[in-house]
Amino acid sequence: MSPAPITRTTVERLQLEAARRGDERAFQQLVERYRRELLAHCYRMLGSIHDAEDALQEALLRAWRSLARFEGRSSLRAWLYRIATNTCLDLIGRRPRRTTPLDHGPPSDAAPGPGAPLSESVWIEPFPDDPLAVPDGLAAPEARYEQRESVELAFVAAMQHLPARQRAVLILREVLGFSAKEVAASLETSVPSVNSALQRARRTVEEKLPAQSQQETLRALGDDELRGVVEGYVDAWERGDVEAVVAMLADDAVLTMPPMPTWYRADQIVVFLREWAFNGRVYDALGRRRVKVVPTRANGQLAFGTYSWVEAEGAHLPTVLQVLTLRGDRIAEIAGFVSPAIFARFGLPTSLPA
């Protein structure tokens, strides 16, 4: 008689037993398979990849310290989500709400330029497009939002308008598909309280979200049309062609540039491109524009890393990570994150040769 196959459940049980005996390496192996999805969960809650990493580190430390009290009445995954959620709730109480320039103030006149940045700690940050953290489809049959849809910039921004506990309830129920009973246990409240919070959260979020998610938009465009949008945008931006970029914009398009609080409507985007983004500072003596653009993905959306030539370094260096929001085949929003340090998170090179 052949031995029974070693299943994931068996491995997890053995790792759990070893971890309870104080084997820290076994604990790290035990939680590693959940690390990426827990990071995505913390990001949805907090709107910041940096805060999400801090929260996850703290949550795993709490889990390690309280492992002896894990009785197995829920799955290990559900238990880790409970700890991560409550860690995020604690962090939300200590840090300012994340926002976007659109929520921060009125649109700006582009002629004076983007102005000085505010503290980066107030802005929603982009999230790397990791399919292991955020796969396609629903997390569970009971979920309402697709997993990749739930890290889109519009969704994460809508989450920040919710009180912290409503945010937790909506994400646990509608994104991850946990039952009302499981959520009530996680938040140490009642099922009626969970259901009430969910109804209020739904109303707020539905008012904030666009009619169509970026996942639906990208699927409707199809590979060929999407490739045309990407190639057209790269070409227009590298050549500094204002008219070509404007032709790709929706009539009510907006452009934001966190950590600068300034943002522009469509008529001022033209001014910004002509006077600032595509000005003569990035052209060589022969009139060639020395900018490179590398396509990538962020938040389940089209994104581009832009690089400008720096003579002293003899290379193109990172400048802005642009994340596009599409409406049909037109660009409804360009979110330009002026934060070169984040490029490595998105698999983008730290420099490009001449």
Protein backbone atom coordinates (compact mmCIF):
# COMPACT_ATOMS: atom_id res chain seq x y z
CA MET A 1 0.00 0.00 0.00
CA SER A 2 1.50 3.32 -1.11
CA PRO A 3 1.83 6.12 1.45
CA ALA A 4 -0.73 8.92 1.43
CA PRO A 5 0.34 11.92 -0.64
CA ILE A 6 1.72 14.94 1.21
CA THR A 7 -0.81 17.71 0.66
CA ARG A 8 -0.55 21.44 1.28
CA THR A 9 -2.82 20.97 4.30
CA THR A 10 -0.43 18.38 5.74
CA VAL A 11 2.60 20.62 5.17
CA GLU A 12 0.81 23.58 6.76
CA ARG A 13 -0.17 21.49 9.79
CA LEU A 14 3.43 20.31 10.28
CA GLN A 15 4.76 23.86 9.90
CA LEU A 16 2.17 25.12 12.38
CA GLU A 17 3.13 22.48 14.94
CA ALA A 18 6.82 23.37 14.53
CA ALA A 19 6.11 27.09 14.78
CA ARG A 20 4.16 26.58 18.00
CA ARG A 21 7.25 24.88 19.42
CA GLY A 22 9.19 28.09 18.73
CA ASP A 23 10.57 27.33 15.25
CA GLU A 24 10.67 30.81 13.68
CA ARG A 25 11.76 29.47 10.31
CA ALA A 26 8.72 27.20 10.17
CA PHE A 27 6.53 30.21 10.97
CA GLN A 28 8.09 32.21 8.12
CA GLN A 29 7.45 29.31 5.73
CA LEU A 30 3.91 29.01 7.05
CA VAL A 31 2.93 32.62 6.40
CA GLU A 32 4.98 33.16 3.23
CA ARG A 33 2.23 31.86 0.92
CA TYR A 34 -0.13 34.51 2.30
CA ARG A 35 2.32 37.41 2.40
CA ARG A 36 1.55 38.95 -1.00
CA GLU A 37 -2.23 38.83 -0.67
CA LEU A 38 -2.03 40.23 2.87
CA LEU A 39 0.10 43.09 1.53
CA ALA A 40 -2.58 43.84 -1.07
CA HIS A 41 -5.21 43.77 1.69
CA CYS A 42 -3.25 46.25 3.79
CA TYR A 43 -2.82 48.46 0.72
CA ARG A 44 -6.58 48.53 0.10
CA MET A 45 -7.09 49.52 3.71
CA LEU A 46 -4.37 52.17 3.86
CA GLY A 47 -3.88 53.49 0.32
CA SER A 48 -0.09 53.42 0.67
CA ILE A 49 2.42 50.72 -0.21
CA HIS A 50 4.79 52.03 2.48
CA ASP A 51 2.09 51.97 5.16
CA ALA A 52 0.95 48.55 3.92
CA GLU A 53 4.44 47.13 4.36
CA ASP A 54 4.66 48.59 7.87
CA ALA A 55 1.25 47.15 8.75
CA LEU A 56 2.09 43.71 7.36
CA GLN A 57 5.36 43.57 9.27
CA GLU A 58 3.56 44.49 12.49
CA ALA A 59 0.71 42.04 11.78
CA LEU A 60 3.09 39.11 11.25
CA LEU A 61 4.94 40.01 14.44
CA ARG A 62 1.61 40.00 16.31
CA ALA A 63 0.74 36.64 14.73
CA TRP A 64 4.06 35.14 15.81
CA ARG A 65 3.62 36.36 19.37
CA SER A 66 0.05 35.08 19.63
CA LEU A 67 0.48 31.81 17.72
CA ALA A 68 0.04 29.72 20.85
CA ARG A 69 -3.49 31.14 21.16
CA PHE A 70 -4.50 30.12 17.62
CA GLU A 71 -6.92 27.26 18.24
CA GLY A 72 -7.72 26.40 14.63
CA ARG A 73 -11.43 27.24 14.87
CA SER A 74 -10.96 29.31 11.72
CA SER A 75 -8.51 28.76 8.88
CA LEU A 76 -4.99 30.10 9.28
CA ARG A 77 -5.68 32.46 6.37
CA ALA A 78 -8.77 33.92 8.06
CA TRP A 79 -6.84 34.30 11.32
CA LEU A 80 -4.02 36.19 9.56
CA TYR A 81 -6.53 38.47 7.83
CA ARG A 82 -8.11 39.20 11.20
CA ILE A 83 -4.77 40.27 12.64
CA ALA A 84 -3.80 42.26 9.53
CA THR A 85 -7.16 44.07 9.48
CA ASN A 86 -6.95 45.10 13.10
CA THR A 87 -3.34 46.21 12.64
CA CYS A 88 -4.48 48.44 9.78
CA LEU A 89 -7.30 49.86 11.91
CA ASP A 90 -4.76 50.77 14.59
CA LEU A 91 -2.53 52.44 11.98
CA ILE A 92 -5.43 54.39 10.44
CA GLY A 93 -6.07 55.91 13.86
CA ARG A 94 -2.49 57.23 14.02
CA ARG A 95 -1.92 58.53 10.49
CA PRO A 96 -3.68 61.10 8.26
CA ARG A 97 -6.18 59.94 5.67
CA ARG A 98 -4.67 59.32 2.25
CA THR A 99 -6.08 61.48 -0.51
CA THR A 100 -5.61 62.55 -4.14
CA PRO A 101 -5.01 66.06 -5.47
CA LEU A 102 -8.59 65.99 -6.81
CA ASP A 103 -9.87 65.77 -3.23
CA HIS A 104 -7.28 68.17 -1.86
CA GLY A 105 -8.37 71.35 -3.64
CA PRO A 106 -9.69 72.98 -6.83
CA PRO A 107 -8.01 72.67 -10.26
CA SER A 108 -5.02 74.89 -10.97
CA ASP A 109 -3.79 77.24 -13.64
CA ALA A 110 -0.90 75.53 -15.40
CA ALA A 111 1.01 78.68 -16.38
CA PRO A 112 2.88 79.08 -13.05
CA GLY A 113 3.89 75.42 -13.08
CA PRO A 114 3.17 72.57 -10.68
CA GLY A 115 4.57 74.30 -7.61
CA ALA A 116 6.13 72.78 -4.52
CA PRO A 117 5.27 69.29 -3.24
CA LEU A 118 3.41 68.60 -0.03
CA SER A 119 4.39 65.82 2.34
CA GLU A 120 4.12 62.49 0.55
CA SER A 121 2.47 60.99 3.60
CA VAL A 122 -0.92 62.43 2.59
CA TRP A 123 -1.14 60.96 -0.91
CA ILE A 124 -2.49 57.67 -2.20
CA GLU A 125 0.43 55.71 -3.67
CA PRO A 126 0.56 53.34 -6.65
CA PHE A 127 0.67 49.59 -6.11
CA PRO A 128 2.88 47.16 -8.09
CA ASP A 129 0.93 44.93 -10.46
CA ASP A 130 1.84 41.58 -8.89
CA PRO A 131 -0.44 38.78 -10.19
CA LEU A 132 0.57 36.63 -7.22
CA ALA A 133 -0.78 39.28 -4.85
CA VAL A 134 -3.76 40.33 -6.93
CA PRO A 135 -4.87 37.60 -9.36
CA ASP A 136 -7.72 37.93 -11.83
CA GLY A 137 -11.29 37.14 -10.83
CA LEU A 138 -13.07 36.95 -7.51
CA ALA A 139 -11.40 35.90 -4.27
CA ALA A 140 -14.52 33.89 -3.36
CA PRO A 141 -17.98 33.29 -4.86
CA GLU A 142 -19.46 35.68 -2.29
CA ALA A 143 -17.20 38.57 -3.37
CA ARG A 144 -18.65 41.46 -5.32
CA TYR A 145 -15.52 43.15 -6.65
CA GLU A 146 -12.77 41.52 -8.69
CA GLN A 147 -9.45 41.35 -6.89
CA ARG A 148 -7.61 43.43 -9.50
CA GLU A 149 -10.49 45.89 -9.64
CA SER A 150 -10.10 46.37 -5.89
CA VAL A 151 -6.58 47.85 -6.20
CA GLU A 152 -7.48 50.28 -8.98
CA LEU A 153 -6.77 53.88 -8.05
CA ALA A 154 -10.46 54.84 -8.12
CA PHE A 155 -11.40 51.99 -5.77
CA VAL A 156 -8.58 52.68 -3.32
CA ALA A 157 -9.43 56.40 -3.36
CA ALA A 158 -13.09 55.57 -2.65
CA MET A 159 -12.03 53.42 0.31
CA GLN A 160 -10.33 56.41 1.91
CA HIS A 161 -13.69 58.20 2.14
CA LEU A 162 -15.06 55.48 4.42
CA PRO A 163 -14.72 55.38 8.20
CA ALA A 164 -12.09 52.82 9.10
CA ARG A 165 -14.42 50.05 10.28
CA GLN A 166 -16.75 50.46 7.29
CA ARG A 167 -13.67 50.20 5.08
CA ALA A 168 -12.67 46.95 6.77
CA VAL A 169 -16.19 45.49 6.51
CA LEU A 170 -16.55 46.29 2.81
CA ILE A 171 -13.14 44.88 1.88
CA LEU A 172 -13.55 41.71 3.94
CA ARG A 173 -17.09 41.06 2.65
CA GLU A 174 -17.13 42.42 -0.91
CA VAL A 175 -13.51 41.88 -2.03
CA LEU A 176 -12.39 38.84 -0.05
CA GLY A 177 -15.76 37.13 0.33
CA PHE A 178 -15.66 36.42 4.06
CA SER A 179 -19.05 35.78 5.65
CA ALA A 180 -20.75 38.33 7.88
CA LYS A 181 -20.16 35.97 10.81
CA GLU A 182 -16.42 35.77 10.07
CA VAL A 183 -16.16 39.55 9.73
CA ALA A 184 -18.05 40.08 12.97
CA ALA A 185 -15.62 37.76 14.75
CA SER A 186 -12.63 39.58 13.24
CA LEU A 187 -13.88 42.99 14.33
CA GLU A 188 -15.36 41.78 17.64
CA THR A 189 -18.83 43.03 16.80
CA SER A 190 -22.22 41.60 15.85
CA VAL A 191 -23.51 40.34 12.51
CA PRO A 192 -26.24 43.05 12.42
CA SER A 193 -23.56 45.70 12.96
CA VAL A 194 -21.51 44.26 10.09
CA ASN A 195 -24.53 44.24 7.77
CA SER A 196 -25.43 47.81 8.71
CA ALA A 197 -21.86 49.03 8.13
CA LEU A 198 -21.76 47.22 4.80
CA GLN A 199 -24.92 48.94 3.55
CA ARG A 200 -23.57 52.38 4.46
CA ALA A 201 -20.20 51.63 2.89
CA ARG A 202 -21.80 50.40 -0.33
CA ARG A 203 -23.75 53.63 -0.76
CA THR A 204 -20.66 55.77 -0.32
CA VAL A 205 -18.47 53.71 -2.62
CA GLU A 206 -21.04 53.44 -5.40
CA GLU A 207 -21.23 57.24 -5.48
CA LYS A 208 -17.45 57.49 -5.86
CA LEU A 209 -16.69 54.76 -8.39
CA PRO A 210 -16.92 55.24 -12.17
CA ALA A 211 -19.57 53.38 -14.14
CA GLN A 212 -16.98 50.95 -15.51
CA SER A 213 -13.86 49.60 -13.82
CA GLN A 214 -10.49 49.60 -15.53
CA GLN A 215 -10.60 45.80 -15.73
CA GLU A 216 -13.86 45.97 -17.70
CA THR A 217 -12.45 48.76 -19.89
CA LEU A 218 -9.24 46.89 -20.68
CA ARG A 219 -11.12 43.70 -21.55
CA ALA A 220 -13.51 45.63 -23.83
CA LEU A 221 -10.62 47.23 -25.72
CA GLY A 222 -8.88 43.96 -26.48
CA ASP A 223 -5.19 43.30 -26.99
CA ASP A 224 -4.75 44.99 -30.37
CA GLU A 225 -6.48 48.25 -29.47
CA LEU A 226 -4.76 48.31 -26.11
CA ARG A 227 -1.39 47.87 -27.81
CA GLY A 228 -2.25 50.83 -30.03
CA VAL A 229 -2.98 53.02 -26.99
CA VAL A 230 0.32 52.03 -25.34
CA GLU A 231 2.44 52.51 -28.44
CA GLY A 232 0.73 55.79 -29.31
CA TYR A 233 1.26 57.19 -25.83
CA VAL A 234 4.92 56.16 -25.67
CA ASP A 235 5.60 57.67 -29.09
CA ALA A 236 3.79 60.95 -28.37
CA TRP A 237 5.48 61.42 -25.00
CA GLU A 238 8.97 60.59 -26.27
CA ARG A 239 8.58 63.02 -29.18
CA GLY A 240 7.00 65.71 -27.01
CA ASP A 241 4.00 65.93 -29.32
CA VAL A 242 1.38 67.98 -27.47
CA GLU A 243 -1.29 67.52 -30.13
CA ALA A 244 -0.82 63.75 -30.21
CA VAL A 245 -1.22 63.46 -26.43
CA VAL A 246 -4.24 65.77 -26.38
CA ALA A 247 -5.87 63.71 -29.15
CA MET A 248 -5.78 60.71 -26.81
CA LEU A 249 -7.51 62.55 -23.93
CA ALA A 250 -11.18 62.52 -23.01
CA ASP A 251 -12.82 65.95 -23.14
CA ASP A 252 -12.95 66.10 -19.33
CA ALA A 253 -9.53 64.53 -18.70
CA VAL A 254 -7.51 65.49 -15.63
CA LEU A 255 -3.82 65.30 -14.76
CA THR A 256 -2.46 64.97 -11.23
CA MET A 257 1.14 64.96 -9.98
CA PRO A 258 1.46 63.82 -6.36
CA PRO A 259 3.23 64.91 -4.18
CA MET A 260 2.33 68.26 -5.81
CA PRO A 261 -1.22 69.26 -4.83
CA THR A 262 -1.84 70.97 -8.18
CA TRP A 263 -4.01 69.27 -10.77
CA TYR A 264 -5.24 70.30 -14.20
CA ARG A 265 -8.35 69.97 -16.29
CA ALA A 266 -8.12 69.22 -20.01
CA ASP A 267 -7.65 72.84 -21.19
CA GLN A 268 -4.79 73.36 -18.73
CA ILE A 269 -3.18 70.01 -19.56
CA VAL A 270 -2.34 71.52 -22.96
CA VAL A 271 -0.64 74.47 -21.26
CA PHE A 272 1.23 72.20 -18.85
CA LEU A 273 2.53 69.95 -21.62
CA ARG A 274 3.64 72.83 -23.82
CA GLU A 275 5.16 75.06 -21.16
CA TRP A 276 6.51 72.52 -18.68
CA ALA A 277 6.48 68.79 -19.48
CA PHE A 278 7.62 69.21 -23.11
CA ASN A 279 9.75 72.32 -22.75
CA GLY A 280 13.32 72.77 -23.99
CA ARG A 281 15.08 71.54 -20.89
CA VAL A 282 15.11 67.93 -22.10
CA TYR A 283 16.27 68.55 -25.69
CA ASP A 284 19.85 68.29 -26.90
CA ALA A 285 21.74 70.73 -29.12
CA LEU A 286 20.33 69.07 -32.24
CA GLY A 287 16.75 69.48 -31.07
CA ARG A 288 16.23 65.83 -30.13
CA ARG A 289 14.03 65.20 -27.11
CA ARG A 290 16.00 63.13 -24.61
CA VAL A 291 13.16 61.33 -22.87
CA LYS A 292 12.43 57.62 -22.76
CA VAL A 293 9.16 55.94 -21.74
CA VAL A 294 8.89 52.33 -20.57
CA PRO A 295 5.43 50.67 -20.35
CA THR A 296 4.55 48.80 -17.17
CA ARG A 297 1.43 48.12 -15.06
CA ALA A 298 0.30 49.51 -11.73
CA ASN A 299 -2.95 49.06 -9.80
CA GLY A 300 -4.23 46.80 -12.59
CA GLN A 301 -3.96 49.77 -14.98
CA LEU A 302 -1.70 50.93 -17.80
CA ALA A 303 1.38 52.66 -16.46
CA PHE A 304 4.59 54.17 -17.83
CA GLY A 305 7.95 54.94 -16.32
CA THR A 306 9.36 58.16 -17.80
CA TYR A 307 13.09 58.93 -17.88
CA SER A 308 14.92 62.15 -18.70
CA TRP A 309 18.52 62.54 -19.81
CA VAL A 310 20.93 63.79 -17.14
CA GLU A 311 24.20 64.90 -18.70
CA ALA A 312 26.20 64.66 -15.49
CA GLU A 313 25.18 61.00 -15.06
CA GLY A 314 25.47 60.08 -18.73
CA ALA A 315 22.14 58.28 -18.57
CA HIS A 316 18.37 58.68 -18.54
CA LEU A 317 17.16 58.75 -14.93
CA PRO A 318 13.66 58.12 -13.54
CA THR A 319 11.34 61.11 -13.23
CA VAL A 320 7.63 60.18 -13.09
CA LEU A 321 5.57 57.00 -12.91
CA GLN A 322 2.41 57.70 -14.91
CA VAL A 323 -0.71 55.61 -14.26
CA LEU A 324 -3.50 56.01 -16.83
CA THR A 325 -7.22 55.68 -16.25
CA LEU A 326 -9.06 54.93 -19.49
CA ARG A 327 -12.63 55.58 -20.50
CA GLY A 328 -13.11 53.53 -23.63
CA ASP A 329 -10.04 54.21 -25.78
CA ARG A 330 -9.55 57.73 -24.35
CA ILE A 331 -7.49 58.76 -21.33
CA ALA A 332 -9.68 60.08 -18.52
CA GLU A 333 -6.86 60.66 -16.04
CA ILE A 334 -3.08 60.78 -15.98
CA ALA A 335 -1.79 60.26 -12.43
CA GLY A 336 1.87 61.21 -12.54
CA PHE A 337 3.62 60.07 -9.36
CA VAL A 338 6.73 62.26 -9.11
CA SER A 339 8.65 59.79 -7.01
CA PRO A 340 11.64 58.24 -8.81
CA ALA A 341 12.48 56.07 -5.80
CA ILE A 342 9.43 53.86 -6.44
CA PHE A 343 10.54 52.72 -9.92
CA ALA A 344 12.31 49.62 -8.65
CA ARG A 345 9.06 48.37 -7.07
CA PHE A 346 7.53 48.17 -10.53
CA GLY A 347 10.38 46.24 -12.13
CA LEU A 348 11.64 49.38 -13.87
CA PRO A 349 15.37 50.01 -14.30
CA THR A 350 17.05 52.66 -12.17
CA SER A 351 18.62 54.20 -15.31
CA LEU A 352 18.59 53.83 -19.08
CA PRO A 353 21.61 54.28 -21.36
CA ALA A 354 21.84 56.87 -24.13
